[in-house]
Amino acid sequence: ITARFNRNILTRINRELDAAFRLETFEHYAFYNAGQSRVEMHLVSTEEQVVDVFGTAVAFSVGESIHTENSYKYSPDEFMQLAATAGWHTEQHWLADKKLFATYLLRSS
C-alpha cells in the first residue's frame, strides 16, 4: 500500500504537469535516516531513462532516486518540547505497546 501511495506522486505529475513517467520503471524505497530522525521515501529509477515533464527532458540514471517524503520520528520528550515551542501544552499522552507510537492531548498555552 505504501509503495502504491508513493508512486501515486508520479501519476499526479503525469496528470497535472503533462509528464510521461512510466510508473513501472520506478521502485519504492524507504529507510530510516537515524541522523535526521526520519523515515525517508524515495522512488528509484530501475533503468536509464529520460522523462518529459512539462516540455523539459529530465534524465534519470539507474538507481537515481526522487526523494518524495519525510516522516519525522520523535521521542515523547522531543515531541512535547516541539509542541511547547509552537504554543501547545501536553495535557496527557498515551504510548502504544513497545513505545513505538504515541497519542497526545494538547491544549493551547
PDB file of N, CA and C in Angstrom:
ATOM      1  N   ILE A   1       0.833  -1.193   0.000  1.00  0.00           N
ATOM      2  CA  ILE A   1       0.000   0.000   0.000  1.00  0.00           C
ATOM      3  C   ILE A   1       0.870   1.246   0.000  1.00  0.00           C
ATOM      4  N   THR A   2       1.929   1.261   0.814  1.00  0.00           N
ATOM      5  CA  THR A   2       2.811   2.428   0.875  1.00  0.00           C
ATOM      6  C   THR A   2       3.486   2.659  -0.468  1.00  0.00           C
ATOM      7  N   ALA A   3       3.914   1.605  -1.128  1.00  0.00           N
ATOM      8  CA  ALA A   3       4.558   1.744  -2.439  1.00  0.00           C
ATOM      9  C   ALA A   3       3.591   2.348  -3.455  1.00  0.00           C
ATOM     10  N   ARG A   4       2.351   1.896  -3.460  1.00  0.00           N
ATOM     11  CA  ARG A   4       1.353   2.458  -4.385  1.00  0.00           C
ATOM     12  C   ARG A   4       1.103   3.920  -4.069  1.00  0.00           C
ATOM     13  N   PHE A   5       1.013   4.242  -2.786  1.00  0.00           N
ATOM     14  CA  PHE A   5       0.814   5.625  -2.366  1.00  0.00           C
ATOM     15  C   PHE A   5       1.988   6.486  -2.843  1.00  0.00           C
ATOM     16  N   ASN A   6       3.205   5.988  -2.667  1.00  0.00           N
ATOM     17  CA  ASN A   6       4.392   6.735  -3.058  1.00  0.00           C
ATOM     18  C   ASN A   6       4.434   6.939  -4.577  1.00  0.00           C
ATOM     19  N   ARG A   7       4.144   5.900  -5.344  1.00  0.00           N
ATOM     20  CA  ARG A   7       4.155   6.009  -6.810  1.00  0.00           C
ATOM     21  C   ARG A   7       3.056   6.937  -7.325  1.00  0.00           C
ATOM     22  N   ASN A   8       2.016   7.134  -6.530  1.00  0.00           N
ATOM     23  CA  ASN A   8       0.919   7.990  -6.959  1.00  0.00           C
ATOM     24  C   ASN A   8       1.403   9.407  -7.263  1.00  0.00           C
ATOM     25  N   ILE A   9       2.505   9.839  -6.656  1.00  0.00           N
ATOM     26  CA  ILE A   9       3.043  11.164  -6.965  1.00  0.00           C
ATOM     27  C   ILE A   9       3.384  11.260  -8.448  1.00  0.00           C
ATOM     28  N   LEU A  10       3.872  10.165  -9.038  1.00  0.00           N
ATOM     29  CA  LEU A  10       4.189  10.179 -10.466  1.00  0.00           C
ATOM     30  C   LEU A  10       2.919  10.256 -11.310  1.00  0.00           C
ATOM     31  N   THR A  11       1.879   9.580 -10.869  1.00  0.00           N
ATOM     32  CA  THR A  11       0.591   9.660 -11.560  1.00  0.00           C
ATOM     33  C   THR A  11       0.089  11.100 -11.567  1.00  0.00           C
ATOM     34  N   ARG A  12       0.197  11.755 -10.434  1.00  0.00           N
ATOM     35  CA  ARG A  12      -0.257  13.153 -10.338  1.00  0.00           C
ATOM     36  C   ARG A  12       0.604  14.080 -11.190  1.00  0.00           C
ATOM     37  N   ILE A  13       1.934  13.860 -11.189  1.00  0.00           N
ATOM     38  CA  ILE A  13       2.814  14.681 -12.026  1.00  0.00           C
ATOM     39  C   ILE A  13       2.466  14.466 -13.503  1.00  0.00           C
ATOM     40  N   ASN A  14       2.211  13.219 -13.881  1.00  0.00           N
ATOM     41  CA  ASN A  14       1.798  12.945 -15.258  1.00  0.00           C
ATOM     42  C   ASN A  14       0.544  13.730 -15.614  1.00  0.00           C
ATOM     43  N   ARG A  15      -0.430  13.708 -14.731  1.00  0.00           N
ATOM     44  CA  ARG A  15      -1.709  14.356 -14.998  1.00  0.00           C
ATOM     45  C   ARG A  15      -1.614  15.880 -14.915  1.00  0.00           C
ATOM     46  N   GLU A  16      -0.966  16.380 -13.871  1.00  0.00           N
ATOM     47  CA  GLU A  16      -1.008  17.814 -13.603  1.00  0.00           C
ATOM     48  C   GLU A  16       0.103  18.613 -14.283  1.00  0.00           C
ATOM     49  N   LEU A  17       1.199  17.950 -14.648  1.00  0.00           N
ATOM     50  CA  LEU A  17       2.315  18.650 -15.289  1.00  0.00           C
ATOM     51  C   LEU A  17       2.592  18.101 -16.694  1.00  0.00           C
ATOM     52  N   ASP A  18       1.623  17.361 -17.222  1.00  0.00           N
ATOM     53  CA  ASP A  18       1.742  16.806 -18.565  1.00  0.00           C
ATOM     54  C   ASP A  18       3.057  16.055 -18.744  1.00  0.00           C
ATOM     55  N   ALA A  19       3.377  15.218 -17.766  1.00  0.00           N
ATOM     56  CA  ALA A  19       4.622  14.450 -17.790  1.00  0.00           C
ATOM     57  C   ALA A  19       4.371  13.068 -18.380  1.00  0.00           C
ATOM     58  N   ALA A  20       5.460  12.314 -18.539  1.00  0.00           N
ATOM     59  CA  ALA A  20       5.366  10.983 -19.148  1.00  0.00           C
ATOM     60  C   ALA A  20       6.126   9.942 -18.329  1.00  0.00           C
ATOM     61  N   PHE A  21       5.976   9.990 -17.002  1.00  0.00           N
ATOM     62  CA  PHE A  21       6.611   8.960 -16.168  1.00  0.00           C
ATOM     63  C   PHE A  21       5.951   7.612 -16.420  1.00  0.00           C
ATOM     64  N   ARG A  22       6.768   6.579 -16.534  1.00  0.00           N
ATOM     65  CA  ARG A  22       6.263   5.204 -16.590  1.00  0.00           C
ATOM     66  C   ARG A  22       6.435   4.632 -15.188  1.00  0.00           C
ATOM     67  N   LEU A  23       5.343   4.440 -14.494  1.00  0.00           N
ATOM     68  CA  LEU A  23       5.386   4.034 -13.090  1.00  0.00           C
ATOM     69  C   LEU A  23       6.154   2.741 -12.874  1.00  0.00           C
ATOM     70  N   GLU A  24       6.077   1.820 -13.811  1.00  0.00           N
ATOM     71  CA  GLU A  24       6.730   0.525 -13.654  1.00  0.00           C
ATOM     72  C   GLU A  24       8.258   0.631 -13.688  1.00  0.00           C
ATOM     73  N   THR A  25       8.803   1.794 -14.041  1.00  0.00           N
ATOM     74  CA  THR A  25      10.260   1.954 -14.095  1.00  0.00           C
ATOM     75  C   THR A  25      10.813   2.630 -12.841  1.00  0.00           C
ATOM     76  N   PHE A  26       9.981   2.745 -11.815  1.00  0.00           N
ATOM     77  CA  PHE A  26      10.418   3.301 -10.530  1.00  0.00           C
ATOM     78  C   PHE A  26       9.994   2.370  -9.408  1.00  0.00           C
ATOM     79  N   GLU A  27      10.929   2.076  -8.511  1.00  0.00           N
ATOM     80  CA  GLU A  27      10.639   1.226  -7.349  1.00  0.00           C
ATOM     81  C   GLU A  27      10.585   2.071  -6.086  1.00  0.00           C
ATOM     82  N   HIS A  28       9.678   1.714  -5.221  1.00  0.00           N
ATOM     83  CA  HIS A  28       9.553   2.344  -3.908  1.00  0.00           C
ATOM     84  C   HIS A  28      10.707   1.890  -3.026  1.00  0.00           C
ATOM     85  N   TYR A  29      11.317   2.854  -2.330  1.00  0.00           N
ATOM     86  CA  TYR A  29      12.402   2.540  -1.397  1.00  0.00           C
ATOM     87  C   TYR A  29      12.239   3.430  -0.171  1.00  0.00           C
ATOM     88  N   ALA A  30      12.173   2.818   1.002  1.00  0.00           N
ATOM     89  CA  ALA A  30      12.033   3.566   2.254  1.00  0.00           C
ATOM     90  C   ALA A  30      13.093   3.094   3.238  1.00  0.00           C
ATOM     91  N   PHE A  31      13.598   4.025   4.041  1.00  0.00           N
ATOM     92  CA  PHE A  31      14.585   3.667   5.052  1.00  0.00           C
ATOM     93  C   PHE A  31      14.549   4.694   6.173  1.00  0.00           C
ATOM     94  N   TYR A  32      15.080   4.285   7.322  1.00  0.00           N
ATOM     95  CA  TYR A  32      15.164   5.186   8.468  1.00  0.00           C
ATOM     96  C   TYR A  32      16.507   5.895   8.430  1.00  0.00           C
ATOM     97  N   ASN A  33      16.473   7.219   8.380  1.00  0.00           N
ATOM     98  CA  ASN A  33      17.668   8.056   8.402  1.00  0.00           C
ATOM     99  C   ASN A  33      17.873   8.482   9.858  1.00  0.00           C
ATOM    100  N   ALA A  34      18.719   7.750  10.574  1.00  0.00           N
ATOM    101  CA  ALA A  34      18.913   7.991  12.009  1.00  0.00           C
ATOM    102  C   ALA A  34      19.457   9.388  12.290  1.00  0.00           C
ATOM    103  N   GLY A  35      20.343   9.886  11.428  1.00  0.00           N
ATOM    104  CA  GLY A  35      20.923  11.212  11.638  1.00  0.00           C
ATOM    105  C   GLY A  35      19.892  12.328  11.586  1.00  0.00           C
ATOM    106  N   GLN A  36      18.813  12.119  10.838  1.00  0.00           N
ATOM    107  CA  GLN A  36      17.750  13.116  10.711  1.00  0.00           C
ATOM    108  C   GLN A  36      16.484  12.739  11.495  1.00  0.00           C
ATOM    109  N   SER A  37      16.498  11.590  12.151  1.00  0.00           N
ATOM    110  CA  SER A  37      15.343  11.080  12.910  1.00  0.00           C
ATOM    111  C   SER A  37      14.089  11.005  12.049  1.00  0.00           C
ATOM    112  N   ARG A  38      14.236  10.438  10.854  1.00  0.00           N
ATOM    113  CA  ARG A  38      13.080  10.379   9.965  1.00  0.00           C
ATOM    114  C   ARG A  38      13.123   9.149   9.072  1.00  0.00           C
ATOM    115  N   VAL A  39      11.945   8.747   8.646  1.00  0.00           N
ATOM    116  CA  VAL A  39      11.805   7.741   7.599  1.00  0.00           C
ATOM    117  C   VAL A  39      11.730   8.515   6.286  1.00  0.00           C
ATOM    118  N   GLU A  40      12.532   8.105   5.317  1.00  0.00           N
ATOM    119  CA  GLU A  40      12.525   8.741   4.007  1.00  0.00           C
ATOM    120  C   GLU A  40      11.899   7.807   2.988  1.00  0.00           C
ATOM    121  N   MET A  41      11.104   8.377   2.101  1.00  0.00           N
ATOM    122  CA  MET A  41      10.520   7.633   0.989  1.00  0.00           C
ATOM    123  C   MET A  41      11.167   8.143  -0.297  1.00  0.00           C
ATOM    124  N   HIS A  42      11.543   7.205  -1.141  1.00  0.00           N
ATOM    125  CA  HIS A  42      12.147   7.534  -2.426  1.00  0.00           C
ATOM    126  C   HIS A  42      11.511   6.675  -3.505  1.00  0.00           C
ATOM    127  N   LEU A  43      11.558   7.169  -4.728  1.00  0.00           N
ATOM    128  CA  LEU A  43      11.242   6.382  -5.905  1.00  0.00           C
ATOM    129  C   LEU A  43      12.535   6.269  -6.696  1.00  0.00           C
ATOM    130  N   VAL A  44      12.986   5.049  -6.945  1.00  0.00           N
ATOM    131  CA  VAL A  44      14.287   4.797  -7.557  1.00  0.00           C
ATOM    132  C   VAL A  44      14.099   4.300  -8.988  1.00  0.00           C
ATOM    133  N   SER A  45      14.790   4.957  -9.899  1.00  0.00           N
ATOM    134  CA  SER A  45      14.722   4.564 -11.308  1.00  0.00           C
ATOM    135  C   SER A  45      15.379   3.199 -11.496  1.00  0.00           C
ATOM    136  N   THR A  46      14.670   2.301 -12.181  1.00  0.00           N
ATOM    137  CA  THR A  46      15.201   0.952 -12.432  1.00  0.00           C
ATOM    138  C   THR A  46      15.916   0.859 -13.772  1.00  0.00           C
ATOM    139  N   GLU A  47      15.923   1.960 -14.509  1.00  0.00           N
ATOM    140  CA  GLU A  47      16.605   1.975 -15.800  1.00  0.00           C
ATOM    141  C   GLU A  47      17.047   3.399 -16.136  1.00  0.00           C
ATOM    142  N   GLU A  48      17.991   3.495 -17.048  1.00  0.00           N
ATOM    143  CA  GLU A  48      18.370   4.808 -17.549  1.00  0.00           C
ATOM    144  C   GLU A  48      17.225   5.290 -18.433  1.00  0.00           C
ATOM    145  N   GLN A  49      16.787   6.515 -18.190  1.00  0.00           N
ATOM    146  CA  GLN A  49      15.616   6.996 -18.920  1.00  0.00           C
ATOM    147  C   GLN A  49      15.577   8.522 -18.944  1.00  0.00           C
ATOM    148  N   VAL A  50      14.824   9.029 -19.888  1.00  0.00           N
ATOM    149  CA  VAL A  50      14.564  10.463 -19.977  1.00  0.00           C
ATOM    150  C   VAL A  50      13.051  10.622 -19.952  1.00  0.00           C
ATOM    151  N   VAL A  51      12.575  11.472 -19.041  1.00  0.00           N
ATOM    152  CA  VAL A  51      11.141  11.688 -18.871  1.00  0.00           C
ATOM    153  C   VAL A  51      10.824  13.127 -19.238  1.00  0.00           C
ATOM    154  N   ASP A  52       9.805  13.296 -20.046  1.00  0.00           N
ATOM    155  CA  ASP A  52       9.352  14.634 -20.401  1.00  0.00           C
ATOM    156  C   ASP A  52       8.421  15.146 -19.291  1.00  0.00           C
ATOM    157  N   VAL A  53       8.785  16.286 -18.714  1.00  0.00           N
ATOM    158  CA  VAL A  53       7.957  16.909 -17.675  1.00  0.00           C
ATOM    159  C   VAL A  53       7.673  18.339 -18.111  1.00  0.00           C
ATOM    160  N   PHE A  54       6.454  18.573 -18.542  1.00  0.00           N
ATOM    161  CA  PHE A  54       6.010  19.904 -18.948  1.00  0.00           C
ATOM    162  C   PHE A  54       6.943  20.498 -20.006  1.00  0.00           C
ATOM    163  N   GLY A  55       7.359  19.640 -20.953  1.00  0.00           N
ATOM    164  CA  GLY A  55       8.204  20.096 -22.045  1.00  0.00           C
ATOM    165  C   GLY A  55       9.692  20.126 -21.754  1.00  0.00           C
ATOM    166  N   THR A  56      10.087  19.678 -20.575  1.00  0.00           N
ATOM    167  CA  THR A  56      11.507  19.636 -20.210  1.00  0.00           C
ATOM    168  C   THR A  56      11.942  18.184 -20.071  1.00  0.00           C
ATOM    169  N   ALA A  57      13.063  17.840 -20.693  1.00  0.00           N
ATOM    170  CA  ALA A  57      13.602  16.484 -20.595  1.00  0.00           C
ATOM    171  C   ALA A  57      14.368  16.341 -19.281  1.00  0.00           C
ATOM    172  N   VAL A  58      13.962  15.367 -18.468  1.00  0.00           N
ATOM    173  CA  VAL A  58      14.612  15.100 -17.182  1.00  0.00           C
ATOM    174  C   VAL A  58      15.215  13.704 -17.256  1.00  0.00           C
ATOM    175  N   ALA A  59      16.552  13.639 -17.134  1.00  0.00           N
ATOM    176  CA  ALA A  59      17.256  12.355 -17.251  1.00  0.00           C
ATOM    177  C   ALA A  59      17.417  11.700 -15.890  1.00  0.00           C
ATOM    178  N   PHE A  60      17.240  10.378 -15.859  1.00  0.00           N
ATOM    179  CA  PHE A  60      17.440   9.573 -14.657  1.00  0.00           C
ATOM    180  C   PHE A  60      18.407   8.451 -14.975  1.00  0.00           C
ATOM    181  N   SER A  61      19.390   8.260 -14.114  1.00  0.00           N
ATOM    182  CA  SER A  61      20.303   7.118 -14.205  1.00  0.00           C
ATOM    183  C   SER A  61      19.696   5.954 -13.445  1.00  0.00           C
ATOM    184  N   VAL A  62      20.180   4.753 -13.724  1.00  0.00           N
ATOM    185  CA  VAL A  62      19.757   3.584 -12.948  1.00  0.00           C
ATOM    186  C   VAL A  62      20.156   3.838 -11.492  1.00  0.00           C
ATOM    187  N   GLY A  63      19.221   3.655 -10.584  1.00  0.00           N
ATOM    188  CA  GLY A  63      19.493   3.835  -9.162  1.00  0.00           C
ATOM    189  C   GLY A  63      19.293   5.254  -8.659  1.00  0.00           C
ATOM    190  N   GLU A  64      19.086   6.189  -9.551  1.00  0.00           N
ATOM    191  CA  GLU A  64      18.846   7.578  -9.121  1.00  0.00           C
ATOM    192  C   GLU A  64      17.456   7.673  -8.525  1.00  0.00           C
ATOM    193  N   SER A  65      17.330   8.457  -7.448  1.00  0.00           N
ATOM    194  CA  SER A  65      16.041   8.495  -6.761  1.00  0.00           C
ATOM    195  C   SER A  65      15.421   9.887  -6.753  1.00  0.00           C
ATOM    196  N   ILE A  66      14.107   9.853  -6.608  1.00  0.00           N
ATOM    197  CA  ILE A  66      13.324  11.061  -6.349  1.00  0.00           C
ATOM    198  C   ILE A  66      12.916  10.961  -4.887  1.00  0.00           C
ATOM    199  N   HIS A  67      13.331  11.920  -4.086  1.00  0.00           N
ATOM    200  CA  HIS A  67      13.017  11.938  -2.650  1.00  0.00           C
ATOM    201  C   HIS A  67      11.608  12.505  -2.521  1.00  0.00           C
ATOM    202  N   THR A  68      10.648  11.654  -2.128  1.00  0.00           N
ATOM    203  CA  THR A  68       9.238  12.048  -2.157  1.00  0.00           C
ATOM    204  C   THR A  68       8.638  12.425  -0.814  1.00  0.00           C
ATOM    205  N   GLU A  69       9.213  11.940   0.284  1.00  0.00           N
ATOM    206  CA  GLU A  69       8.547  12.185   1.577  1.00  0.00           C
ATOM    207  C   GLU A  69       9.518  11.995   2.728  1.00  0.00           C
ATOM    208  N   ASN A  70       9.274  12.758   3.798  1.00  0.00           N
ATOM    209  CA  ASN A  70       9.941  12.560   5.086  1.00  0.00           C
ATOM    210  C   ASN A  70       8.874  12.365   6.146  1.00  0.00           C
ATOM    211  N   SER A  71       9.089  11.419   7.023  1.00  0.00           N
ATOM    212  CA  SER A  71       8.210  11.197   8.158  1.00  0.00           C
ATOM    213  C   SER A  71       9.089  11.219   9.403  1.00  0.00           C
ATOM    214  N   TYR A  72       9.023  12.332  10.124  1.00  0.00           N
ATOM    215  CA  TYR A  72       9.899  12.517  11.282  1.00  0.00           C
ATOM    216  C   TYR A  72       9.418  11.727  12.477  1.00  0.00           C
ATOM    217  N   LYS A  73      10.367  11.238  13.264  1.00  0.00           N
ATOM    218  CA  LYS A  73      10.086  10.437  14.449  1.00  0.00           C
ATOM    219  C   LYS A  73      10.673  11.150  15.662  1.00  0.00           C
ATOM    220  N   TYR A  74       9.873  11.292  16.698  1.00  0.00           N
ATOM    221  CA  TYR A  74      10.302  11.998  17.900  1.00  0.00           C
ATOM    222  C   TYR A  74      10.067  11.137  19.132  1.00  0.00           C
ATOM    223  N   SER A  75      10.942  11.269  20.108  1.00  0.00           N
ATOM    224  CA  SER A  75      10.693  10.660  21.413  1.00  0.00           C
ATOM    225  C   SER A  75       9.598  11.487  22.079  1.00  0.00           C
ATOM    226  N   PRO A  76       8.937  10.960  23.116  1.00  0.00           N
ATOM    227  CA  PRO A  76       7.915  11.761  23.800  1.00  0.00           C
ATOM    228  C   PRO A  76       8.452  13.105  24.285  1.00  0.00           C
ATOM    229  N   ASP A  77       9.642  13.124  24.871  1.00  0.00           N
ATOM    230  CA  ASP A  77      10.205  14.395  25.341  1.00  0.00           C
ATOM    231  C   ASP A  77      10.448  15.364  24.187  1.00  0.00           C
ATOM    232  N   GLU A  78      10.981  14.864  23.067  1.00  0.00           N
ATOM    233  CA  GLU A  78      11.224  15.722  21.908  1.00  0.00           C
ATOM    234  C   GLU A  78       9.919  16.297  21.368  1.00  0.00           C
ATOM    235  N   PHE A  79       8.883  15.447  21.295  1.00  0.00           N
ATOM    236  CA  PHE A  79       7.603  15.925  20.773  1.00  0.00           C
ATOM    237  C   PHE A  79       6.992  16.977  21.691  1.00  0.00           C
ATOM    238  N   MET A  80       7.032  16.728  23.001  1.00  0.00           N
ATOM    239  CA  MET A  80       6.442  17.691  23.943  1.00  0.00           C
ATOM    240  C   MET A  80       7.180  19.029  23.894  1.00  0.00           C
ATOM    241  N   GLN A  81       8.497  19.000  23.702  1.00  0.00           N
ATOM    242  CA  GLN A  81       9.272  20.235  23.561  1.00  0.00           C
ATOM    243  C   GLN A  81       8.886  20.961  22.265  1.00  0.00           C
ATOM    244  N   LEU A  82       8.740  20.212  21.188  1.00  0.00           N
ATOM    245  CA  LEU A  82       8.329  20.790  19.914  1.00  0.00           C
ATOM    246  C   LEU A  82       6.943  21.430  20.034  1.00  0.00           C
ATOM    247  N   ALA A  83       6.024  20.721  20.684  1.00  0.00           N
ATOM    248  CA  ALA A  83       4.672  21.262  20.881  1.00  0.00           C
ATOM    249  C   ALA A  83       4.717  22.527  21.726  1.00  0.00           C
ATOM    250  N   ALA A  84       5.510  22.523  22.790  1.00  0.00           N
ATOM    251  CA  ALA A  84       5.617  23.701  23.665  1.00  0.00           C
ATOM    252  C   ALA A  84       6.174  24.894  22.897  1.00  0.00           C
ATOM    253  N   THR A  85       7.148  24.658  22.045  1.00  0.00           N
ATOM    254  CA  THR A  85       7.732  25.726  21.237  1.00  0.00           C
ATOM    255  C   THR A  85       6.687  26.341  20.308  1.00  0.00           C
ATOM    256  N   ALA A  86       5.741  25.533  19.880  1.00  0.00           N
ATOM    257  CA  ALA A  86       4.675  26.005  18.988  1.00  0.00           C
ATOM    258  C   ALA A  86       3.478  26.558  19.751  1.00  0.00           C
ATOM    259  N   GLY A  87       3.566  26.647  21.076  1.00  0.00           N
ATOM    260  CA  GLY A  87       2.480  27.229  21.855  1.00  0.00           C
ATOM    261  C   GLY A  87       1.448  26.245  22.370  1.00  0.00           C
ATOM    262  N   TRP A  88       1.805  24.979  22.489  1.00  0.00           N
ATOM    263  CA  TRP A  88       0.893  23.951  22.975  1.00  0.00           C
ATOM    264  C   TRP A  88       1.415  23.361  24.280  1.00  0.00           C
ATOM    265  N   HIS A  89       0.482  22.963  25.113  1.00  0.00           N
ATOM    266  CA  HIS A  89       0.808  22.295  26.382  1.00  0.00           C
ATOM    267  C   HIS A  89       0.326  20.853  26.278  1.00  0.00           C
ATOM    268  N   THR A  90       1.178  19.899  26.626  1.00  0.00           N
ATOM    269  CA  THR A  90       0.788  18.487  26.614  1.00  0.00           C
ATOM    270  C   THR A  90       0.030  18.191  27.895  1.00  0.00           C
ATOM    271  N   GLU A  91      -1.256  17.939  27.740  1.00  0.00           N
ATOM    272  CA  GLU A  91      -2.092  17.637  28.884  1.00  0.00           C
ATOM    273  C   GLU A  91      -1.959  16.170  29.288  1.00  0.00           C
ATOM    274  N   GLN A  92      -1.874  15.305  28.285  1.00  0.00           N
ATOM    275  CA  GLN A  92      -1.736  13.876  28.548  1.00  0.00           C
ATOM    276  C   GLN A  92      -1.213  13.205  27.284  1.00  0.00           C
ATOM    277  N   HIS A  93      -0.516  12.078  27.467  1.00  0.00           N
ATOM    278  CA  HIS A  93      -0.121  11.296  26.299  1.00  0.00           C
ATOM    279  C   HIS A  93      -0.185   9.814  26.632  1.00  0.00           C
ATOM    280  N   TRP A  94      -0.404   9.024  25.596  1.00  0.00           N
ATOM    281  CA  TRP A  94      -0.526   7.577  25.730  1.00  0.00           C
ATOM    282  C   TRP A  94       0.463   6.927  24.779  1.00  0.00           C
ATOM    283  N   LEU A  95       1.205   5.948  25.298  1.00  0.00           N
ATOM    284  CA  LEU A  95       2.179   5.213  24.487  1.00  0.00           C
ATOM    285  C   LEU A  95       1.629   3.839  24.124  1.00  0.00           C
ATOM    286  N   ALA A  96       1.808   3.453  22.871  1.00  0.00           N
ATOM    287  CA  ALA A  96       1.391   2.135  22.410  1.00  0.00           C
ATOM    288  C   ALA A  96       2.386   1.090  22.907  1.00  0.00           C
ATOM    289  N   ASP A  97       2.022  -0.179  22.727  1.00  0.00           N
ATOM    290  CA  ASP A  97       2.929  -1.272  23.085  1.00  0.00           C
ATOM    291  C   ASP A  97       4.298  -1.039  22.457  1.00  0.00           C
ATOM    292  N   LYS A  98       5.327  -1.393  23.150  1.00  0.00           N
ATOM    293  CA  LYS A  98       6.720  -1.248  22.722  1.00  0.00           C
ATOM    294  C   LYS A  98       7.135   0.219  22.566  1.00  0.00           C
ATOM    295  N   LYS A  99       6.247   1.125  22.936  1.00  0.00           N
ATOM    296  CA  LYS A  99       6.523   2.567  22.911  1.00  0.00           C
ATOM    297  C   LYS A  99       6.953   3.081  21.539  1.00  0.00           C
ATOM    298  N   LEU A 100       6.405   2.467  20.470  1.00  0.00           N
ATOM    299  CA  LEU A 100       6.754   2.883  19.122  1.00  0.00           C
ATOM    300  C   LEU A 100       5.874   4.021  18.614  1.00  0.00           C
ATOM    301  N   PHE A 101       4.685   4.181  19.193  1.00  0.00           N
ATOM    302  CA  PHE A 101       3.748   5.213  18.763  1.00  0.00           C
ATOM    303  C   PHE A 101       3.126   5.857  19.983  1.00  0.00           C
ATOM    304  N   ALA A 102       2.689   7.099  19.800  1.00  0.00           N
ATOM    305  CA  ALA A 102       2.055   7.807  20.911  1.00  0.00           C
ATOM    306  C   ALA A 102       0.917   8.679  20.392  1.00  0.00           C
ATOM    307  N   THR A 103      -0.032   8.940  21.271  1.00  0.00           N
ATOM    308  CA  THR A 103      -1.119   9.886  21.017  1.00  0.00           C
ATOM    309  C   THR A 103      -1.044  10.939  22.095  1.00  0.00           C
ATOM    310  N   TYR A 104      -1.221  12.210  21.694  1.00  0.00           N
ATOM    311  CA  TYR A 104      -1.078  13.326  22.630  1.00  0.00           C
ATOM    312  C   TYR A 104      -2.361  14.147  22.663  1.00  0.00           C
ATOM    313  N   LEU A 105      -2.731  14.577  23.858  1.00  0.00           N
ATOM    314  CA  LEU A 105      -3.799  15.535  24.038  1.00  0.00           C
ATOM    315  C   LEU A 105      -3.122  16.873  24.327  1.00  0.00           C
ATOM    316  N   LEU A 106      -3.266  17.808  23.396  1.00  0.00           N
ATOM    317  CA  LEU A 106      -2.613  19.110  23.513  1.00  0.00           C
ATOM    318  C   LEU A 106      -3.654  20.198  23.742  1.00  0.00           C
ATOM    319  N   ARG A 107      -3.278  21.197  24.501  1.00  0.00           N
ATOM    320  CA  ARG A 107      -4.096  22.391  24.722  1.00  0.00           C
ATOM    321  C   ARG A 107      -3.268  23.604  24.362  1.00  0.00           C
ATOM    322  N   SER A 108      -3.931  24.583  23.830  1.00  0.00           N
ATOM    323  CA  SER A 108      -3.248  25.834  23.509  1.00  0.00           C
ATOM    324  C   SER A 108      -2.767  26.485  24.792  1.00  0.00           C
ATOM    325  N   SER A 109      -1.529  26.930  24.800  1.00  0.00           N
ATOM    326  CA  SER A 109      -0.949  27.573  26.016  1.00  0.00           C
ATOM    327  C   SER A 109      -1.508  28.962  26.214  1.00  0.00           C
TER     328      SER A 109
END
